[in-house]
């Protein structure tokens, strides 16, 4: 899959609102996606890395590479989130009381 850097920036801006909606139960996401996101979070926070963070640039590069990998896996879910309809709070419901045909009778 080709991954455009501009799409990466767009995906990153939608990632946190998407996760907030997942936590609120407004957006459903596959369990495998949540697994990879949690694994990435643990890996970035954990002091145990493939390349220790004390190595200049290399220590941070492996964290960044893993974040990019997970963002590429989550890309389809982010695209689905961006295309979702408005939240229920933003939908105005209405009921037709009179129609034009009833007024003419």
N, C-alpha and C. Protein backbone atom coordinates (compact mmCIF):
# COMPACT_ATOMS: atom_id res chain seq x y z
N UNK A 1 0.83 -1.17 0.00
CA UNK A 1 0.00 0.00 0.00
C UNK A 1 0.88 1.24 0.00
N UNK A 2 0.60 2.15 -0.91
CA UNK A 2 1.31 3.43 -0.95
C UNK A 2 0.80 4.30 0.18
N UNK A 3 1.73 4.98 0.82
CA UNK A 3 1.33 5.84 1.92
C UNK A 3 1.85 7.24 1.67
N UNK A 4 0.95 8.17 1.47
CA UNK A 4 1.26 9.55 1.17
C UNK A 4 1.54 10.30 2.49
N UNK A 5 2.64 11.06 2.58
CA UNK A 5 2.93 11.81 3.81
C UNK A 5 1.83 12.79 4.20
N UNK A 6 1.15 13.37 3.23
CA UNK A 6 0.05 14.28 3.55
C UNK A 6 -1.12 13.54 4.19
N UNK A 7 -1.36 12.31 3.73
CA UNK A 7 -2.40 11.50 4.35
C UNK A 7 -2.02 11.16 5.79
N UNK A 8 -0.72 10.98 6.03
CA UNK A 8 -0.25 10.69 7.38
C UNK A 8 -0.57 11.84 8.32
N UNK A 9 -0.34 13.07 7.88
CA UNK A 9 -0.67 14.23 8.71
C UNK A 9 -2.17 14.33 8.96
N UNK A 10 -2.95 14.07 7.93
CA UNK A 10 -4.41 14.09 8.07
C UNK A 10 -4.86 12.99 9.03
N UNK A 11 -4.29 11.79 8.86
CA UNK A 11 -4.64 10.69 9.74
C UNK A 11 -4.29 11.00 11.18
N UNK A 12 -3.13 11.62 11.39
CA UNK A 12 -2.70 11.92 12.75
C UNK A 12 -3.64 12.93 13.41
N UNK A 13 -4.15 13.89 12.64
CA UNK A 13 -5.07 14.87 13.22
C UNK A 13 -6.42 14.26 13.57
N UNK A 14 -6.82 13.21 12.88
CA UNK A 14 -8.09 12.55 13.16
C UNK A 14 -7.94 11.40 14.16
N UNK A 15 -6.72 10.99 14.47
CA UNK A 15 -6.50 9.82 15.32
C UNK A 15 -7.08 10.02 16.72
N UNK A 16 -6.75 11.14 17.37
CA UNK A 16 -7.20 11.35 18.75
C UNK A 16 -8.71 11.58 18.85
N UNK A 17 -9.33 12.36 17.96
CA UNK A 17 -10.80 12.43 18.00
C UNK A 17 -11.46 11.07 17.76
N UNK A 18 -10.87 10.24 16.88
CA UNK A 18 -11.41 8.91 16.64
C UNK A 18 -11.33 8.07 17.90
N UNK A 19 -10.18 8.11 18.59
CA UNK A 19 -10.03 7.33 19.81
C UNK A 19 -10.98 7.82 20.90
N UNK A 20 -11.23 9.12 20.97
CA UNK A 20 -12.16 9.66 21.94
C UNK A 20 -13.57 9.14 21.65
N UNK A 21 -13.95 9.09 20.37
CA UNK A 21 -15.26 8.55 20.00
C UNK A 21 -15.36 7.07 20.27
N UNK A 22 -14.25 6.34 20.15
CA UNK A 22 -14.24 4.92 20.49
C UNK A 22 -14.50 4.76 21.99
N UNK A 23 -13.82 5.58 22.81
CA UNK A 23 -14.01 5.50 24.26
C UNK A 23 -15.44 5.87 24.67
N UNK A 24 -16.05 6.80 23.96
CA UNK A 24 -17.43 7.19 24.26
C UNK A 24 -18.45 6.22 23.69
N UNK A 25 -18.01 5.28 22.87
CA UNK A 25 -18.92 4.30 22.27
C UNK A 25 -19.64 4.80 21.04
N UNK A 26 -19.20 5.92 20.47
CA UNK A 26 -19.83 6.48 19.28
C UNK A 26 -19.27 5.91 17.98
N UNK A 27 -18.10 5.28 18.06
CA UNK A 27 -17.46 4.74 16.87
C UNK A 27 -16.92 3.36 17.20
N UNK A 28 -17.27 2.38 16.38
CA UNK A 28 -16.82 1.01 16.59
C UNK A 28 -15.59 0.74 15.72
N UNK A 29 -14.65 0.01 16.31
CA UNK A 29 -13.42 -0.31 15.61
C UNK A 29 -13.09 -1.77 15.90
N UNK A 30 -12.44 -2.47 14.95
CA UNK A 30 -12.10 -3.88 15.19
C UNK A 30 -11.14 -4.04 16.37
N UNK A 31 -11.25 -5.17 17.06
CA UNK A 31 -10.39 -5.43 18.21
C UNK A 31 -8.92 -5.50 17.83
N UNK A 32 -8.61 -6.01 16.65
CA UNK A 32 -7.20 -6.13 16.24
C UNK A 32 -6.57 -4.74 16.09
N UNK A 33 -7.36 -3.77 15.65
CA UNK A 33 -6.86 -2.40 15.53
C UNK A 33 -6.56 -1.83 16.91
N UNK A 34 -7.48 -2.05 17.84
CA UNK A 34 -7.24 -1.58 19.21
C UNK A 34 -6.01 -2.26 19.82
N UNK A 35 -5.82 -3.54 19.51
CA UNK A 35 -4.65 -4.26 19.99
C UNK A 35 -3.36 -3.59 19.53
N UNK A 36 -3.27 -3.27 18.23
CA UNK A 36 -2.06 -2.64 17.69
C UNK A 36 -1.84 -1.25 18.28
N UNK A 37 -2.91 -0.50 18.50
CA UNK A 37 -2.78 0.83 19.08
C UNK A 37 -2.26 0.75 20.51
N UNK A 38 -2.82 -0.17 21.29
CA UNK A 38 -2.36 -0.34 22.67
C UNK A 38 -0.93 -0.84 22.71
N UNK A 39 -0.59 -1.78 21.82
CA UNK A 39 0.78 -2.30 21.76
C UNK A 39 1.76 -1.18 21.42
N UNK A 40 1.39 -0.31 20.49
CA UNK A 40 2.25 0.82 20.12
C UNK A 40 2.42 1.78 21.29
N UNK A 41 1.34 2.07 21.99
CA UNK A 41 1.42 2.96 23.14
C UNK A 41 2.34 2.38 24.22
N UNK A 42 2.20 1.10 24.49
CA UNK A 42 3.06 0.45 25.49
C UNK A 42 4.51 0.47 25.03
N UNK A 43 4.75 0.20 23.75
CA UNK A 43 6.12 0.18 23.23
C UNK A 43 6.79 1.55 23.33
N UNK A 44 6.04 2.59 23.00
CA UNK A 44 6.61 3.95 23.03
C UNK A 44 6.89 4.39 24.47
N UNK A 45 5.99 4.04 25.39
CA UNK A 45 6.17 4.45 26.79
C UNK A 45 7.20 3.59 27.50
N UNK A 46 7.29 2.32 27.13
CA UNK A 46 8.16 1.37 27.82
C UNK A 46 9.64 1.75 27.68
N UNK A 47 10.41 1.56 28.74
CA UNK A 47 11.86 1.82 28.64
C UNK A 47 12.60 0.71 27.89
N UNK A 48 11.93 -0.42 27.65
CA UNK A 48 12.56 -1.53 26.93
C UNK A 48 12.23 -1.38 25.44
N UNK A 49 13.24 -1.12 24.63
CA UNK A 49 13.08 -0.93 23.19
C UNK A 49 14.06 -1.82 22.44
N UNK A 50 13.83 -1.95 21.14
CA UNK A 50 14.82 -2.63 20.31
C UNK A 50 16.12 -1.83 20.29
N UNK A 51 15.99 -0.54 20.14
CA UNK A 51 17.14 0.37 20.20
C UNK A 51 16.91 1.32 21.37
N UNK A 52 17.77 1.31 22.37
CA UNK A 52 17.56 2.17 23.54
C UNK A 52 17.47 3.65 23.16
N UNK A 53 16.64 4.37 23.90
CA UNK A 53 16.43 5.79 23.61
C UNK A 53 17.66 6.65 23.91
N UNK A 54 18.64 6.11 24.60
CA UNK A 54 19.85 6.89 24.89
C UNK A 54 20.75 7.02 23.66
N UNK A 55 20.56 6.16 22.66
CA UNK A 55 21.32 6.29 21.41
C UNK A 55 20.79 7.50 20.65
N UNK A 56 21.66 8.41 20.26
CA UNK A 56 21.19 9.60 19.55
C UNK A 56 20.50 9.22 18.23
N UNK A 57 19.32 9.74 18.04
CA UNK A 57 18.47 9.58 16.85
C UNK A 57 17.98 8.16 16.64
N UNK A 58 18.81 7.15 16.80
CA UNK A 58 18.36 5.77 16.56
C UNK A 58 17.34 5.32 17.59
N UNK A 59 17.51 5.75 18.82
CA UNK A 59 16.58 5.35 19.87
C UNK A 59 15.18 5.89 19.65
N UNK A 60 15.10 7.07 19.11
CA UNK A 60 13.79 7.66 18.83
C UNK A 60 13.26 7.18 17.48
N UNK A 61 14.15 6.84 16.57
CA UNK A 61 13.74 6.42 15.23
C UNK A 61 12.92 5.12 15.27
N UNK A 62 13.28 4.17 16.15
CA UNK A 62 12.51 2.93 16.18
C UNK A 62 11.11 3.17 16.73
N UNK A 63 10.97 4.10 17.69
CA UNK A 63 9.63 4.46 18.17
C UNK A 63 8.82 5.10 17.05
N UNK A 64 9.44 6.02 16.33
CA UNK A 64 8.75 6.68 15.22
C UNK A 64 8.36 5.72 14.12
N UNK A 65 9.24 4.76 13.82
CA UNK A 65 8.92 3.77 12.79
C UNK A 65 7.74 2.91 13.21
N UNK A 66 7.68 2.55 14.49
CA UNK A 66 6.56 1.74 14.97
C UNK A 66 5.26 2.54 14.93
N UNK A 67 5.33 3.82 15.27
CA UNK A 67 4.14 4.67 15.19
C UNK A 67 3.66 4.78 13.74
N UNK A 68 4.58 4.96 12.80
CA UNK A 68 4.19 5.03 11.38
C UNK A 68 3.58 3.71 10.91
N UNK A 69 4.14 2.61 11.37
CA UNK A 69 3.60 1.29 11.01
C UNK A 69 2.17 1.15 11.51
N UNK A 70 1.92 1.52 12.75
CA UNK A 70 0.57 1.39 13.31
C UNK A 70 -0.38 2.37 12.63
N UNK A 71 0.07 3.57 12.33
CA UNK A 71 -0.79 4.52 11.61
C UNK A 71 -1.17 3.98 10.23
N UNK A 72 -0.26 3.28 9.58
CA UNK A 72 -0.59 2.70 8.28
C UNK A 72 -1.61 1.57 8.43
N UNK A 73 -1.55 0.84 9.55
CA UNK A 73 -2.54 -0.21 9.79
C UNK A 73 -3.91 0.38 10.14
N UNK A 74 -3.92 1.50 10.81
CA UNK A 74 -5.16 2.13 11.27
C UNK A 74 -5.76 3.04 10.19
N UNK A 75 -5.06 3.22 9.10
CA UNK A 75 -5.47 4.16 8.03
C UNK A 75 -6.91 3.91 7.58
N UNK A 76 -7.29 2.67 7.34
CA UNK A 76 -8.64 2.37 6.85
C UNK A 76 -9.70 2.75 7.88
N UNK A 77 -9.41 2.52 9.16
CA UNK A 77 -10.36 2.89 10.20
C UNK A 77 -10.49 4.40 10.31
N UNK A 78 -9.40 5.11 10.14
CA UNK A 78 -9.46 6.57 10.18
C UNK A 78 -10.26 7.10 8.99
N UNK A 79 -10.08 6.51 7.84
CA UNK A 79 -10.85 6.92 6.66
C UNK A 79 -12.34 6.67 6.90
N UNK A 80 -12.66 5.54 7.51
CA UNK A 80 -14.06 5.23 7.83
C UNK A 80 -14.60 6.22 8.85
N UNK A 81 -13.78 6.61 9.83
CA UNK A 81 -14.20 7.59 10.83
C UNK A 81 -14.45 8.96 10.19
N UNK A 82 -13.60 9.36 9.28
CA UNK A 82 -13.76 10.65 8.61
C UNK A 82 -15.04 10.71 7.80
N UNK A 83 -15.47 9.57 7.28
CA UNK A 83 -16.66 9.54 6.44
C UNK A 83 -17.94 9.23 7.18
N UNK A 84 -17.87 9.12 8.50
CA UNK A 84 -19.07 8.75 9.23
C UNK A 84 -20.06 9.91 9.27
N UNK A 85 -21.34 9.59 9.40
CA UNK A 85 -22.34 10.66 9.46
C UNK A 85 -22.22 11.44 10.76
N UNK A 86 -22.94 12.52 10.83
CA UNK A 86 -22.91 13.38 12.02
C UNK A 86 -23.33 12.60 13.25
N UNK A 87 -22.85 13.02 14.38
CA UNK A 87 -23.20 12.35 15.63
C UNK A 87 -24.68 12.57 15.93
N UNK A 88 -25.29 11.69 16.72
CA UNK A 88 -26.74 11.83 17.00
C UNK A 88 -27.12 13.17 17.61
N UNK A 89 -26.20 13.82 18.35
CA UNK A 89 -26.52 15.11 18.93
C UNK A 89 -26.68 16.19 17.86
N UNK A 90 -26.07 15.99 16.70
CA UNK A 90 -26.12 16.99 15.64
C UNK A 90 -27.28 16.78 14.67
N UNK A 91 -28.02 15.67 14.82
CA UNK A 91 -29.13 15.37 13.92
C UNK A 91 -30.41 15.92 14.53
N UNK A 92 -31.12 16.69 13.74
CA UNK A 92 -32.38 17.26 14.19
C UNK A 92 -33.50 16.37 13.67
N UNK A 93 -34.32 15.88 14.58
CA UNK A 93 -35.45 15.05 14.18
C UNK A 93 -36.69 15.92 14.10
N UNK A 94 -37.53 15.59 13.15
CA UNK A 94 -38.75 16.36 12.97
C UNK A 94 -39.89 15.42 12.61
N UNK A 95 -41.10 15.90 12.83
CA UNK A 95 -42.27 15.12 12.51
C UNK A 95 -43.19 15.99 11.67
N UNK A 96 -43.75 15.42 10.60
CA UNK A 96 -44.67 16.17 9.75
C UNK A 96 -46.03 16.19 10.43
N UNK A 97 -46.54 17.38 10.67
CA UNK A 97 -47.84 17.52 11.34
C UNK A 97 -48.94 17.70 10.31
N UNK A 98 -48.72 18.58 9.36
CA UNK A 98 -49.71 18.82 8.31
C UNK A 98 -49.01 18.75 6.97
N UNK A 99 -49.68 18.17 6.03
CA UNK A 99 -49.19 18.18 4.66
C UNK A 99 -50.04 19.13 3.85
N UNK A 100 -49.56 19.48 2.69
CA UNK A 100 -50.29 20.41 1.83
C UNK A 100 -51.60 19.80 1.36
N UNK A 101 -51.61 18.47 1.12
CA UNK A 101 -52.83 17.80 0.67
C UNK A 101 -53.93 17.85 1.74
N UNK A 102 -53.55 17.74 3.02
CA UNK A 102 -54.54 17.79 4.08
C UNK A 102 -55.12 19.18 4.22
N UNK A 103 -54.34 20.21 3.96
CA UNK A 103 -54.84 21.59 4.08
C UNK A 103 -55.86 21.90 2.99
N UNK A 104 -55.74 21.28 1.80
CA UNK A 104 -56.63 21.56 0.69
C UNK A 104 -57.99 20.90 0.89
N UNK A 105 -58.08 19.87 1.72
CA UNK A 105 -59.35 19.15 1.91
C UNK A 105 -60.33 19.89 2.75
